[in-house]
Amino acid sequence: MDKEKKQEIMKSYAINEKDTGSSDVQVAVLTERINQLSGHLKSHSHDCWLT
């Protein structure tokens, strides 16, 4: 995830301007990362060690 995307997510879920560590922000950032990894593994199944 690039820096701009992460900042956009943080801004959307932050409680205030300086909020970077609340649970809402952390869950949103991790969810985006999981979604990116899931998409990658769907198109590059050889990268997945679970199969």
C-alpha atoms as a PDB file:
ATOM      1  CA  MET A   1       0.000   0.000   0.000  1.00  0.00           C
ATOM      2  CA  ASP A   2       1.413   3.345  -0.925  1.00  0.00           C
ATOM      3  CA  LYS A   3       1.786   6.211   1.531  1.00  0.00           C
ATOM      4  CA  GLU A   4      -1.027   8.297   0.030  1.00  0.00           C
ATOM      5  CA  LYS A   5      -3.555   5.448   0.234  1.00  0.00           C
ATOM      6  CA  LYS A   6      -2.634   4.772   3.868  1.00  0.00           C
ATOM      7  CA  GLN A   7      -2.979   8.451   4.772  1.00  0.00           C
ATOM      8  CA  GLU A   8      -6.354   8.593   3.020  1.00  0.00           C
ATOM      9  CA  ILE A   9      -7.601   5.611   5.047  1.00  0.00           C
ATOM     10  CA  MET A  10      -6.234   7.075   8.276  1.00  0.00           C
ATOM     11  CA  LYS A  11      -7.941  10.402   7.580  1.00  0.00           C
ATOM     12  CA  SER A  12     -11.263   8.668   6.871  1.00  0.00           C
ATOM     13  CA  TYR A  13     -11.308   6.680  10.118  1.00  0.00           C
ATOM     14  CA  ALA A  14      -9.439   9.003  12.506  1.00  0.00           C
ATOM     15  CA  ILE A  15     -11.217  10.358  15.548  1.00  0.00           C
ATOM     16  CA  ASN A  16      -9.237  13.604  15.320  1.00  0.00           C
ATOM     17  CA  GLU A  17      -6.484  15.091  13.131  1.00  0.00           C
ATOM     18  CA  LYS A  18      -3.613  13.481  15.029  1.00  0.00           C
ATOM     19  CA  ASP A  19      -5.208  10.043  15.441  1.00  0.00           C
ATOM     20  CA  THR A  20      -3.055   7.332  13.887  1.00  0.00           C
ATOM     21  CA  GLY A  21      -3.339   4.536  16.409  1.00  0.00           C
ATOM     22  CA  SER A  22      -6.975   4.127  17.377  1.00  0.00           C
ATOM     23  CA  SER A  23      -8.470   0.712  16.825  1.00  0.00           C
ATOM     24  CA  ASP A  24     -10.719   2.032  14.032  1.00  0.00           C
ATOM     25  CA  VAL A  25      -7.725   3.338  12.093  1.00  0.00           C
ATOM     26  CA  GLN A  26      -5.640   0.213  12.654  1.00  0.00           C
ATOM     27  CA  VAL A  27      -8.463  -2.120  11.595  1.00  0.00           C
ATOM     28  CA  ALA A  28      -9.116  -0.068   8.459  1.00  0.00           C
ATOM     29  CA  VAL A  29      -5.423  -0.094   7.452  1.00  0.00           C
ATOM     30  CA  LEU A  30      -5.069  -3.825   8.125  1.00  0.00           C
ATOM     31  CA  THR A  31      -8.281  -4.604   6.248  1.00  0.00           C
ATOM     32  CA  GLU A  32      -7.009  -2.748   3.194  1.00  0.00           C
ATOM     33  CA  ARG A  33      -3.709  -4.631   3.358  1.00  0.00           C
ATOM     34  CA  ILE A  34      -5.510  -7.980   3.665  1.00  0.00           C
ATOM     35  CA  ASN A  35      -7.691  -7.102   0.674  1.00  0.00           C
ATOM     36  CA  GLN A  36      -4.605  -6.229  -1.372  1.00  0.00           C
ATOM     37  CA  LEU A  37      -2.872  -9.480  -0.427  1.00  0.00           C
ATOM     38  CA  SER A  38      -5.981 -11.529  -1.178  1.00  0.00           C
ATOM     39  CA  GLY A  39      -6.215  -9.997  -4.629  1.00  0.00           C
ATOM     40  CA  HIS A  40      -2.553 -10.675  -5.279  1.00  0.00           C
ATOM     41  CA  LEU A  41      -2.827 -14.301  -4.202  1.00  0.00           C
ATOM     42  CA  LYS A  42      -5.889 -14.864  -6.408  1.00  0.00           C
ATOM     43  CA  SER A  43      -3.927 -13.849  -9.480  1.00  0.00           C
ATOM     44  CA  HIS A  44      -0.573 -15.309  -8.340  1.00  0.00           C
ATOM     45  CA  SER A  45      -1.538 -18.563  -6.650  1.00  0.00           C
ATOM     46  CA  HIS A  46       2.036 -19.879  -6.833  1.00  0.00           C
ATOM     47  CA  ASP A  47       2.974 -17.269  -4.175  1.00  0.00           C
ATOM     48  CA  CYS A  48       0.723 -18.924  -1.609  1.00  0.00           C
ATOM     49  CA  TRP A  49       2.482 -21.521   0.544  1.00  0.00           C
ATOM     50  CA  LEU A  50      -0.812 -22.879   1.885  1.00  0.00           C
ATOM     51  CA  THR A  51      -1.838 -24.657  -1.315  1.00  0.00           C
END
